[in-house]
Amino acid sequence: MKQSLLVALLVLAVHCTIYDKLYDEAFKITQAMTIDQKIGQTIQVDFQALAGKNSTDQSLALKYFLGSVLIGGDGVPDANGNIVELPVQEDKIKLIYLNGT
């Protein structure tokens, strides 16, 4: 019983040390960021907002300091990073019916 309690306390102490180290590192990073960078990291825009008529405008992600971009479910990026729209649900059903799969 005493050994398992000692092991549990040791594990807890190690986790606290790791947490403190990571917290301190994250704190230093956020202290060095501008308010615009902090806001950009919290905003998640849809991929369509960055897509132009023929290509994706990657400079917008840099301009607004975006930390992530959402793909809304109606399209997927191709190998070049451009959106490829998926067929609407009715078209999917027709394709399944016609293909038999």
PDB file of N, CA and C in Angstrom:
ATOM      1  N   MET A   1       0.825  -1.201   0.000  1.00  0.00           N
ATOM      2  CA  MET A   1       0.000   0.000   0.000  1.00  0.00           C
ATOM      3  C   MET A   1       0.867   1.262   0.000  1.00  0.00           C
ATOM      4  N   LYS A   2       1.874   1.297   0.837  1.00  0.00           N
ATOM      5  CA  LYS A   2       2.751   2.456   0.927  1.00  0.00           C
ATOM      6  C   LYS A   2       3.534   2.645  -0.371  1.00  0.00           C
ATOM      7  N   GLN A   3       3.920   1.514  -0.985  1.00  0.00           N
ATOM      8  CA  GLN A   3       4.679   1.596  -2.227  1.00  0.00           C
ATOM      9  C   GLN A   3       3.833   2.191  -3.351  1.00  0.00           C
ATOM     10  N   SER A   4       2.571   1.766  -3.448  1.00  0.00           N
ATOM     11  CA  SER A   4       1.702   2.289  -4.508  1.00  0.00           C
ATOM     12  C   SER A   4       1.404   3.773  -4.281  1.00  0.00           C
ATOM     13  N   LEU A   5       1.294   4.188  -3.031  1.00  0.00           N
ATOM     14  CA  LEU A   5       1.087   5.603  -2.732  1.00  0.00           C
ATOM     15  C   LEU A   5       2.328   6.412  -3.099  1.00  0.00           C
ATOM     16  N   LEU A   6       3.486   5.859  -2.819  1.00  0.00           N
ATOM     17  CA  LEU A   6       4.734   6.526  -3.164  1.00  0.00           C
ATOM     18  C   LEU A   6       4.885   6.658  -4.677  1.00  0.00           C
ATOM     19  N   VAL A   7       4.543   5.597  -5.406  1.00  0.00           N
ATOM     20  CA  VAL A   7       4.605   5.643  -6.870  1.00  0.00           C
ATOM     21  C   VAL A   7       3.628   6.680  -7.406  1.00  0.00           C
ATOM     22  N   ALA A   8       2.417   6.722  -6.856  1.00  0.00           N
ATOM     23  CA  ALA A   8       1.409   7.693  -7.297  1.00  0.00           C
ATOM     24  C   ALA A   8       1.895   9.124  -7.061  1.00  0.00           C
ATOM     25  N   LEU A   9       2.494   9.372  -5.916  1.00  0.00           N
ATOM     26  CA  LEU A   9       3.018  10.706  -5.625  1.00  0.00           C
ATOM     27  C   LEU A   9       4.176  11.067  -6.548  1.00  0.00           C
ATOM     28  N   LEU A  10       5.014  10.090  -6.865  1.00  0.00           N
ATOM     29  CA  LEU A  10       6.129  10.325  -7.785  1.00  0.00           C
ATOM     30  C   LEU A  10       5.620  10.670  -9.182  1.00  0.00           C
ATOM     31  N   VAL A  11       4.630   9.929  -9.671  1.00  0.00           N
ATOM     32  CA  VAL A  11       4.034  10.200 -10.986  1.00  0.00           C
ATOM     33  C   VAL A  11       3.406  11.585 -11.004  1.00  0.00           C
ATOM     34  N   LEU A  12       2.698  11.930  -9.938  1.00  0.00           N
ATOM     35  CA  LEU A  12       2.074  13.246  -9.848  1.00  0.00           C
ATOM     36  C   LEU A  12       3.127  14.362  -9.869  1.00  0.00           C
ATOM     37  N   ALA A  13       4.222  14.163  -9.172  1.00  0.00           N
ATOM     38  CA  ALA A  13       5.290  15.169  -9.146  1.00  0.00           C
ATOM     39  C   ALA A  13       5.912  15.344 -10.522  1.00  0.00           C
ATOM     40  N   VAL A  14       6.118  14.246 -11.250  1.00  0.00           N
ATOM     41  CA  VAL A  14       6.690  14.322 -12.595  1.00  0.00           C
ATOM     42  C   VAL A  14       5.741  15.051 -13.525  1.00  0.00           C
ATOM     43  N   HIS A  15       4.442  14.738 -13.455  1.00  0.00           N
ATOM     44  CA  HIS A  15       3.459  15.418 -14.304  1.00  0.00           C
ATOM     45  C   HIS A  15       3.417  16.912 -14.007  1.00  0.00           C
ATOM     46  N   CYS A  16       3.498  17.303 -12.759  1.00  0.00           N
ATOM     47  CA  CYS A  16       3.480  18.720 -12.406  1.00  0.00           C
ATOM     48  C   CYS A  16       4.700  19.435 -12.978  1.00  0.00           C
ATOM     49  N   THR A  17       5.846  18.770 -12.941  1.00  0.00           N
ATOM     50  CA  THR A  17       7.067  19.361 -13.474  1.00  0.00           C
ATOM     51  C   THR A  17       6.945  19.568 -14.981  1.00  0.00           C
ATOM     52  N   ILE A  18       6.432  18.574 -15.689  1.00  0.00           N
ATOM     53  CA  ILE A  18       6.246  18.685 -17.137  1.00  0.00           C
ATOM     54  C   ILE A  18       5.233  19.786 -17.448  1.00  0.00           C
ATOM     55  N   TYR A  19       4.140  19.826 -16.703  1.00  0.00           N
ATOM     56  CA  TYR A  19       3.120  20.849 -16.910  1.00  0.00           C
ATOM     57  C   TYR A  19       3.708  22.241 -16.715  1.00  0.00           C
ATOM     58  N   ASP A  20       4.470  22.412 -15.643  1.00  0.00           N
ATOM     59  CA  ASP A  20       5.074  23.721 -15.374  1.00  0.00           C
ATOM     60  C   ASP A  20       5.996  24.146 -16.503  1.00  0.00           C
ATOM     61  N   LYS A  21       6.780  23.209 -17.016  1.00  0.00           N
ATOM     62  CA  LYS A  21       7.708  23.524 -18.106  1.00  0.00           C
ATOM     63  C   LYS A  21       6.934  23.954 -19.357  1.00  0.00           C
ATOM     64  N   LEU A  22       5.895  23.193 -19.714  1.00  0.00           N
ATOM     65  CA  LEU A  22       5.112  23.517 -20.907  1.00  0.00           C
ATOM     66  C   LEU A  22       4.335  24.819 -20.713  1.00  0.00           C
ATOM     67  N   TYR A  23       3.804  25.030 -19.526  1.00  0.00           N
ATOM     68  CA  TYR A  23       3.075  26.269 -19.246  1.00  0.00           C
ATOM     69  C   TYR A  23       3.998  27.474 -19.388  1.00  0.00           C
ATOM     70  N   ASP A  24       5.190  27.362 -18.819  1.00  0.00           N
ATOM     71  CA  ASP A  24       6.144  28.472 -18.907  1.00  0.00           C
ATOM     72  C   ASP A  24       6.511  28.775 -20.353  1.00  0.00           C
ATOM     73  N   GLU A  25       6.704  27.722 -21.153  1.00  0.00           N
ATOM     74  CA  GLU A  25       7.038  27.921 -22.564  1.00  0.00           C
ATOM     75  C   GLU A  25       5.893  28.598 -23.309  1.00  0.00           C
ATOM     76  N   ALA A  26       4.667  28.136 -23.074  1.00  0.00           N
ATOM     77  CA  ALA A  26       3.497  28.733 -23.728  1.00  0.00           C
ATOM     78  C   ALA A  26       3.314  30.184 -23.285  1.00  0.00           C
ATOM     79  N   PHE A  27       3.561  30.446 -22.022  1.00  0.00           N
ATOM     80  CA  PHE A  27       3.427  31.806 -21.508  1.00  0.00           C
ATOM     81  C   PHE A  27       4.418  32.748 -22.190  1.00  0.00           C
ATOM     82  N   LYS A  28       5.650  32.281 -22.363  1.00  0.00           N
ATOM     83  CA  LYS A  28       6.670  33.105 -23.034  1.00  0.00           C
ATOM     84  C   LYS A  28       6.275  33.401 -24.483  1.00  0.00           C
ATOM     85  N   ILE A  29       5.742  32.391 -25.151  1.00  0.00           N
ATOM     86  CA  ILE A  29       5.323  32.568 -26.550  1.00  0.00           C
ATOM     87  C   ILE A  29       4.202  33.593 -26.641  1.00  0.00           C
ATOM     88  N   THR A  30       3.197  33.459 -25.786  1.00  0.00           N
ATOM     89  CA  THR A  30       2.062  34.387 -25.856  1.00  0.00           C
ATOM     90  C   THR A  30       2.457  35.796 -25.429  1.00  0.00           C
ATOM     91  N   GLN A  31       3.410  35.921 -24.547  1.00  0.00           N
ATOM     92  CA  GLN A  31       3.875  37.254 -24.154  1.00  0.00           C
ATOM     93  C   GLN A  31       4.556  37.960 -25.319  1.00  0.00           C
ATOM     94  N   ALA A  32       5.188  37.203 -26.211  1.00  0.00           N
ATOM     95  CA  ALA A  32       5.892  37.793 -27.352  1.00  0.00           C
ATOM     96  C   ALA A  32       4.954  38.108 -28.522  1.00  0.00           C
ATOM     97  N   MET A  33       3.714  37.626 -28.472  1.00  0.00           N
ATOM     98  CA  MET A  33       2.767  37.825 -29.565  1.00  0.00           C
ATOM     99  C   MET A  33       2.076  39.178 -29.452  1.00  0.00           C
ATOM    100  N   THR A  34       1.748  39.744 -30.617  1.00  0.00           N
ATOM    101  CA  THR A  34       0.938  40.959 -30.636  1.00  0.00           C
ATOM    102  C   THR A  34      -0.519  40.583 -30.409  1.00  0.00           C
ATOM    103  N   ILE A  35      -1.351  41.564 -30.140  1.00  0.00           N
ATOM    104  CA  ILE A  35      -2.773  41.293 -29.950  1.00  0.00           C
ATOM    105  C   ILE A  35      -3.405  40.750 -31.231  1.00  0.00           C
ATOM    106  N   ASP A  36      -2.966  41.249 -32.391  1.00  0.00           N
ATOM    107  CA  ASP A  36      -3.478  40.738 -33.663  1.00  0.00           C
ATOM    108  C   ASP A  36      -3.122  39.264 -33.862  1.00  0.00           C
ATOM    109  N   GLN A  37      -1.927  38.877 -33.468  1.00  0.00           N
ATOM    110  CA  GLN A  37      -1.522  37.481 -33.576  1.00  0.00           C
ATOM    111  C   GLN A  37      -2.343  36.602 -32.642  1.00  0.00           C
ATOM    112  N   LYS A  38      -2.615  37.077 -31.442  1.00  0.00           N
ATOM    113  CA  LYS A  38      -3.422  36.312 -30.487  1.00  0.00           C
ATOM    114  C   LYS A  38      -4.846  36.137 -31.014  1.00  0.00           C
ATOM    115  N   ILE A  39      -5.405  37.190 -31.562  1.00  0.00           N
ATOM    116  CA  ILE A  39      -6.759  37.105 -32.119  1.00  0.00           C
ATOM    117  C   ILE A  39      -6.778  36.138 -33.292  1.00  0.00           C
ATOM    118  N   GLY A  40      -5.801  36.234 -34.177  1.00  0.00           N
ATOM    119  CA  GLY A  40      -5.731  35.347 -35.332  1.00  0.00           C
ATOM    120  C   GLY A  40      -5.637  33.883 -34.951  1.00  0.00           C
ATOM    121  N   GLN A  41      -4.946  33.584 -33.864  1.00  0.00           N
ATOM    122  CA  GLN A  41      -4.805  32.205 -33.425  1.00  0.00           C
ATOM    123  C   GLN A  41      -6.111  31.638 -32.873  1.00  0.00           C
ATOM    124  N   THR A  42      -7.022  32.507 -32.449  1.00  0.00           N
ATOM    125  CA  THR A  42      -8.283  32.027 -31.889  1.00  0.00           C
ATOM    126  C   THR A  42      -9.400  31.959 -32.920  1.00  0.00           C
ATOM    127  N   ILE A  43      -9.187  32.532 -34.090  1.00  0.00           N
ATOM    128  CA  ILE A  43     -10.216  32.543 -35.127  1.00  0.00           C
ATOM    129  C   ILE A  43     -10.047  31.333 -36.034  1.00  0.00           C
ATOM    130  N   GLN A  44     -11.151  30.660 -36.318  1.00  0.00           N
ATOM    131  CA  GLN A  44     -11.140  29.559 -37.278  1.00  0.00           C
ATOM    132  C   GLN A  44     -12.049  29.939 -38.434  1.00  0.00           C
ATOM    133  N   VAL A  45     -11.456  30.195 -39.576  1.00  0.00           N
ATOM    134  CA  VAL A  45     -12.251  30.559 -40.746  1.00  0.00           C
ATOM    135  C   VAL A  45     -12.465  29.335 -41.620  1.00  0.00           C
ATOM    136  N   ASP A  46     -13.518  29.372 -42.402  1.00  0.00           N
ATOM    137  CA  ASP A  46     -13.788  28.293 -43.338  1.00  0.00           C
ATOM    138  C   ASP A  46     -12.854  28.416 -44.536  1.00  0.00           C
ATOM    139  N   PHE A  47     -12.485  27.304 -45.087  1.00  0.00           N
ATOM    140  CA  PHE A  47     -11.584  27.252 -46.238  1.00  0.00           C
ATOM    141  C   PHE A  47     -12.097  28.111 -47.382  1.00  0.00           C
ATOM    142  N   GLN A  48     -13.409  28.165 -47.556  1.00  0.00           N
ATOM    143  CA  GLN A  48     -14.010  28.948 -48.636  1.00  0.00           C
ATOM    144  C   GLN A  48     -13.662  30.428 -48.516  1.00  0.00           C
ATOM    145  N   ALA A  49     -13.448  30.910 -47.295  1.00  0.00           N
ATOM    146  CA  ALA A  49     -13.116  32.315 -47.095  1.00  0.00           C
ATOM    147  C   ALA A  49     -11.732  32.649 -47.650  1.00  0.00           C
ATOM    148  N   LEU A  50     -10.873  31.660 -47.791  1.00  0.00           N
ATOM    149  CA  LEU A  50      -9.523  31.873 -48.312  1.00  0.00           C
ATOM    150  C   LEU A  50      -9.401  31.492 -49.775  1.00  0.00           C
ATOM    151  N   ALA A  51     -10.468  30.942 -50.333  1.00  0.00           N
ATOM    152  CA  ALA A  51     -10.408  30.463 -51.714  1.00  0.00           C
ATOM    153  C   ALA A  51     -10.931  31.527 -52.661  1.00  0.00           C
ATOM    154  N   GLY A  52     -10.156  31.785 -53.708  1.00  0.00           N
ATOM    155  CA  GLY A  52     -10.588  32.691 -54.758  1.00  0.00           C
ATOM    156  C   GLY A  52     -11.315  31.897 -55.835  1.00  0.00           C
ATOM    157  N   LYS A  53     -11.483  32.484 -57.009  1.00  0.00           N
ATOM    158  CA  LYS A  53     -12.171  31.779 -58.090  1.00  0.00           C
ATOM    159  C   LYS A  53     -11.393  30.567 -58.572  1.00  0.00           C
ATOM    160  N   ASN A  54     -10.085  30.713 -58.704  1.00  0.00           N
ATOM    161  CA  ASN A  54      -9.293  29.632 -59.281  1.00  0.00           C
ATOM    162  C   ASN A  54      -8.246  29.047 -58.342  1.00  0.00           C
ATOM    163  N   SER A  55      -8.021  29.677 -57.216  1.00  0.00           N
ATOM    164  CA  SER A  55      -6.971  29.170 -56.331  1.00  0.00           C
ATOM    165  C   SER A  55      -7.186  29.658 -54.907  1.00  0.00           C
ATOM    166  N   THR A  56      -6.414  29.113 -54.013  1.00  0.00           N
ATOM    167  CA  THR A  56      -6.457  29.506 -52.617  1.00  0.00           C
ATOM    168  C   THR A  56      -5.482  30.653 -52.393  1.00  0.00           C
ATOM    169  N   ASP A  57      -5.917  31.664 -51.687  1.00  0.00           N
ATOM    170  CA  ASP A  57      -5.057  32.800 -51.382  1.00  0.00           C
ATOM    171  C   ASP A  57      -4.396  32.563 -50.020  1.00  0.00           C
ATOM    172  N   GLN A  58      -3.238  31.922 -50.039  1.00  0.00           N
ATOM    173  CA  GLN A  58      -2.545  31.578 -48.806  1.00  0.00           C
ATOM    174  C   GLN A  58      -2.043  32.801 -48.058  1.00  0.00           C
ATOM    175  N   SER A  59      -1.864  33.889 -48.743  1.00  0.00           N
ATOM    176  CA  SER A  59      -1.359  35.095 -48.081  1.00  0.00           C
ATOM    177  C   SER A  59      -2.352  35.614 -47.037  1.00  0.00           C
ATOM    178  N   LEU A  60      -3.636  35.312 -47.194  1.00  0.00           N
ATOM    179  CA  LEU A  60      -4.623  35.757 -46.209  1.00  0.00           C
ATOM    180  C   LEU A  60      -4.414  35.070 -44.863  1.00  0.00           C
ATOM    181  N   ALA A  61      -4.035  33.798 -44.894  1.00  0.00           N
ATOM    182  CA  ALA A  61      -3.766  33.079 -43.642  1.00  0.00           C
ATOM    183  C   ALA A  61      -2.593  33.707 -42.909  1.00  0.00           C
ATOM    184  N   LEU A  62      -1.599  34.133 -43.657  1.00  0.00           N
ATOM    185  CA  LEU A  62      -0.445  34.800 -43.043  1.00  0.00           C
ATOM    186  C   LEU A  62      -0.801  36.204 -42.576  1.00  0.00           C
ATOM    187  N   LYS A  63      -1.582  36.901 -43.391  1.00  0.00           N
ATOM    188  CA  LYS A  63      -1.952  38.279 -43.072  1.00  0.00           C
ATOM    189  C   LYS A  63      -2.730  38.360 -41.755  1.00  0.00           C
ATOM    190  N   TYR A  64      -3.627  37.389 -41.547  1.00  0.00           N
ATOM    191  CA  TYR A  64      -4.479  37.411 -40.359  1.00  0.00           C
ATOM    192  C   TYR A  64      -3.986  36.490 -39.249  1.00  0.00           C
ATOM    193  N   PHE A  65      -2.781  35.918 -39.397  1.00  0.00           N
ATOM    194  CA  PHE A  65      -2.149  35.084 -38.369  1.00  0.00           C
ATOM    195  C   PHE A  65      -3.022  33.892 -37.966  1.00  0.00           C
ATOM    196  N   LEU A  66      -3.681  33.265 -38.935  1.00  0.00           N
ATOM    197  CA  LEU A  66      -4.602  32.175 -38.632  1.00  0.00           C
ATOM    198  C   LEU A  66      -3.855  30.939 -38.148  1.00  0.00           C
ATOM    199  N   GLY A  67      -4.365  30.354 -37.081  1.00  0.00           N
ATOM    200  CA  GLY A  67      -3.764  29.148 -36.535  1.00  0.00           C
ATOM    201  C   GLY A  67      -4.365  27.887 -37.106  1.00  0.00           C
ATOM    202  N   SER A  68      -5.584  27.995 -37.639  1.00  0.00           N
ATOM    203  CA  SER A  68      -6.234  26.830 -38.232  1.00  0.00           C
ATOM    204  C   SER A  68      -7.278  27.296 -39.238  1.00  0.00           C
ATOM    205  N   VAL A  69      -7.601  26.393 -40.156  1.00  0.00           N
ATOM    206  CA  VAL A  69      -8.604  26.664 -41.177  1.00  0.00           C
ATOM    207  C   VAL A  69      -9.549  25.470 -41.209  1.00  0.00           C
ATOM    208  N   LEU A  70     -10.835  25.737 -41.200  1.00  0.00           N
ATOM    209  CA  LEU A  70     -11.834  24.673 -41.230  1.00  0.00           C
ATOM    210  C   LEU A  70     -12.231  24.350 -42.657  1.00  0.00           C
ATOM    211  N   ILE A  71     -12.464  23.072 -42.899  1.00  0.00           N
ATOM    212  CA  ILE A  71     -13.037  22.647 -44.177  1.00  0.00           C
ATOM    213  C   ILE A  71     -14.485  22.292 -43.860  1.00  0.00           C
ATOM    214  N   GLY A  72     -15.409  23.053 -44.436  1.00  0.00           N
ATOM    215  CA  GLY A  72     -16.802  23.005 -44.028  1.00  0.00           C
ATOM    216  C   GLY A  72     -17.609  21.775 -44.382  1.00  0.00           C
ATOM    217  N   GLY A  73     -17.076  20.821 -45.069  1.00  0.00           N
ATOM    218  CA  GLY A  73     -17.829  19.614 -45.355  1.00  0.00           C
ATOM    219  C   GLY A  73     -18.400  19.583 -46.752  1.00  0.00           C
ATOM    220  N   ASP A  74     -18.434  20.719 -47.442  1.00  0.00           N
ATOM    221  CA  ASP A  74     -18.961  20.722 -48.799  1.00  0.00           C
ATOM    222  C   ASP A  74     -17.842  20.689 -49.826  1.00  0.00           C
ATOM    223  N   GLY A  75     -16.624  20.491 -49.369  1.00  0.00           N
ATOM    224  CA  GLY A  75     -15.495  20.407 -50.278  1.00  0.00           C
ATOM    225  C   GLY A  75     -14.261  19.903 -49.565  1.00  0.00           C
ATOM    226  N   VAL A  76     -13.261  19.555 -50.346  1.00  0.00           N
ATOM    227  CA  VAL A  76     -11.989  19.086 -49.811  1.00  0.00           C
ATOM    228  C   VAL A  76     -10.865  19.742 -50.602  1.00  0.00           C
ATOM    229  N   PRO A  77      -9.702  19.914 -49.991  1.00  0.00           N
ATOM    230  CA  PRO A  77      -8.602  20.493 -50.759  1.00  0.00           C
ATOM    231  C   PRO A  77      -7.978  19.450 -51.686  1.00  0.00           C
ATOM    232  N   ASP A  78      -7.575  19.880 -52.876  1.00  0.00           N
ATOM    233  CA  ASP A  78      -6.875  18.971 -53.779  1.00  0.00           C
ATOM    234  C   ASP A  78      -5.373  19.047 -53.491  1.00  0.00           C
ATOM    235  N   ALA A  79      -4.567  18.401 -54.314  1.00  0.00           N
ATOM    236  CA  ALA A  79      -3.119  18.354 -54.093  1.00  0.00           C
ATOM    237  C   ALA A  79      -2.475  19.738 -54.134  1.00  0.00           C
ATOM    238  N   ASN A  80      -3.108  20.700 -54.794  1.00  0.00           N
ATOM    239  CA  ASN A  80      -2.576  22.053 -54.895  1.00  0.00           C
ATOM    240  C   ASN A  80      -3.112  22.985 -53.804  1.00  0.00           C
ATOM    241  N   GLY A  81      -3.960  22.451 -52.914  1.00  0.00           N
ATOM    242  CA  GLY A  81      -4.530  23.273 -51.857  1.00  0.00           C
ATOM    243  C   GLY A  81      -5.779  24.014 -52.262  1.00  0.00           C
ATOM    244  N   ASN A  82      -6.305  23.705 -53.430  1.00  0.00           N
ATOM    245  CA  ASN A  82      -7.537  24.351 -53.893  1.00  0.00           C
ATOM    246  C   ASN A  82      -8.735  23.493 -53.520  1.00  0.00           C
ATOM    247  N   ILE A  83      -9.875  24.150 -53.299  1.00  0.00           N
ATOM    248  CA  ILE A  83     -11.072  23.428 -52.884  1.00  0.00           C
ATOM    249  C   ILE A  83     -11.705  22.715 -54.060  1.00  0.00           C
ATOM    250  N   VAL A  84     -12.111  21.487 -53.832  1.00  0.00           N
ATOM    251  CA  VAL A  84     -12.858  20.707 -54.804  1.00  0.00           C
ATOM    252  C   VAL A  84     -14.200  20.417 -54.146  1.00  0.00           C
ATOM    253  N   GLU A  85     -15.254  20.954 -54.727  1.00  0.00           N
ATOM    254  CA  GLU A  85     -16.561  20.793 -54.113  1.00  0.00           C
ATOM    255  C   GLU A  85     -17.064  19.372 -54.268  1.00  0.00           C
ATOM    256  N   LEU A  86     -17.660  18.865 -53.204  1.00  0.00           N
ATOM    257  CA  LEU A  86     -18.277  17.551 -53.236  1.00  0.00           C
ATOM    258  C   LEU A  86     -19.681  17.692 -53.802  1.00  0.00           C
ATOM    259  N   PRO A  87     -20.194  16.629 -54.418  1.00  0.00           N
ATOM    260  CA  PRO A  87     -21.566  16.723 -54.930  1.00  0.00           C
ATOM    261  C   PRO A  87     -22.553  16.895 -53.776  1.00  0.00           C
ATOM    262  N   VAL A  88     -23.661  17.560 -54.041  1.00  0.00           N
ATOM    263  CA  VAL A  88     -24.690  17.714 -53.012  1.00  0.00           C
ATOM    264  C   VAL A  88     -25.282  16.350 -52.689  1.00  0.00           C
ATOM    265  N   GLN A  89     -25.937  16.244 -51.552  1.00  0.00           N
ATOM    266  CA  GLN A  89     -26.430  14.956 -51.063  1.00  0.00           C
ATOM    267  C   GLN A  89     -27.324  14.249 -52.088  1.00  0.00           C
ATOM    268  N   GLU A  90     -28.202  14.986 -52.773  1.00  0.00           N
ATOM    269  CA  GLU A  90     -29.087  14.360 -53.759  1.00  0.00           C
ATOM    270  C   GLU A  90     -28.283  13.744 -54.895  1.00  0.00           C
ATOM    271  N   ASP A  91     -27.215  14.429 -55.328  1.00  0.00           N
ATOM    272  CA  ASP A  91     -26.367  13.895 -56.390  1.00  0.00           C
ATOM    273  C   ASP A  91     -25.635  12.643 -55.925  1.00  0.00           C
ATOM    274  N   LYS A  92     -25.213  12.615 -54.653  1.00  0.00           N
ATOM    275  CA  LYS A  92     -24.549  11.434 -54.114  1.00  0.00           C
ATOM    276  C   LYS A  92     -25.486  10.236 -54.156  1.00  0.00           C
ATOM    277  N   ILE A  93     -26.743  10.462 -53.783  1.00  0.00           N
ATOM    278  CA  ILE A  93     -27.726   9.378 -53.778  1.00  0.00           C
ATOM    279  C   ILE A  93     -27.942   8.872 -55.197  1.00  0.00           C
ATOM    280  N   LYS A  94     -28.032   9.781 -56.178  1.00  0.00           N
ATOM    281  CA  LYS A  94     -28.197   9.384 -57.568  1.00  0.00           C
ATOM    282  C   LYS A  94     -26.988   8.584 -58.043  1.00  0.00           C
ATOM    283  N   LEU A  95     -25.788   9.006 -57.676  1.00  0.00           N
ATOM    284  CA  LEU A  95     -24.587   8.284 -58.082  1.00  0.00           C
ATOM    285  C   LEU A  95     -24.551   6.887 -57.467  1.00  0.00           C
ATOM    286  N   ILE A  96     -24.933   6.772 -56.219  1.00  0.00           N
ATOM    287  CA  ILE A  96     -24.957   5.462 -55.580  1.00  0.00           C
ATOM    288  C   ILE A  96     -25.973   4.562 -56.273  1.00  0.00           C
ATOM    289  N   TYR A  97     -27.146   5.096 -56.587  1.00  0.00           N
ATOM    290  CA  TYR A  97     -28.193   4.314 -57.232  1.00  0.00           C
ATOM    291  C   TYR A  97     -27.739   3.873 -58.627  1.00  0.00           C
ATOM    292  N   LEU A  98     -27.145   4.784 -59.390  1.00  0.00           N
ATOM    293  CA  LEU A  98     -26.740   4.464 -60.747  1.00  0.00           C
ATOM    294  C   LEU A  98     -25.560   3.487 -60.791  1.00  0.00           C
ATOM    295  N   ASN A  99     -24.633   3.638 -59.834  1.00  0.00           N
ATOM    296  CA  ASN A  99     -23.464   2.770 -59.806  1.00  0.00           C
ATOM    297  C   ASN A  99     -23.725   1.444 -59.077  1.00  0.00           C
ATOM    298  N   GLY A 100     -24.791   1.390 -58.344  1.00  0.00           N
ATOM    299  CA  GLY A 100     -25.114   0.162 -57.624  1.00  0.00           C
ATOM    300  C   GLY A 100     -24.234  -0.070 -56.406  1.00  0.00           C
ATOM    301  N   THR A 101     -23.561   0.966 -55.926  1.00  0.00           N
ATOM    302  CA  THR A 101     -22.702   0.801 -54.754  1.00  0.00           C
ATOM    303  C   THR A 101     -23.136   1.719 -53.624  1.00  0.00           C
TER     304      THR A 101
END
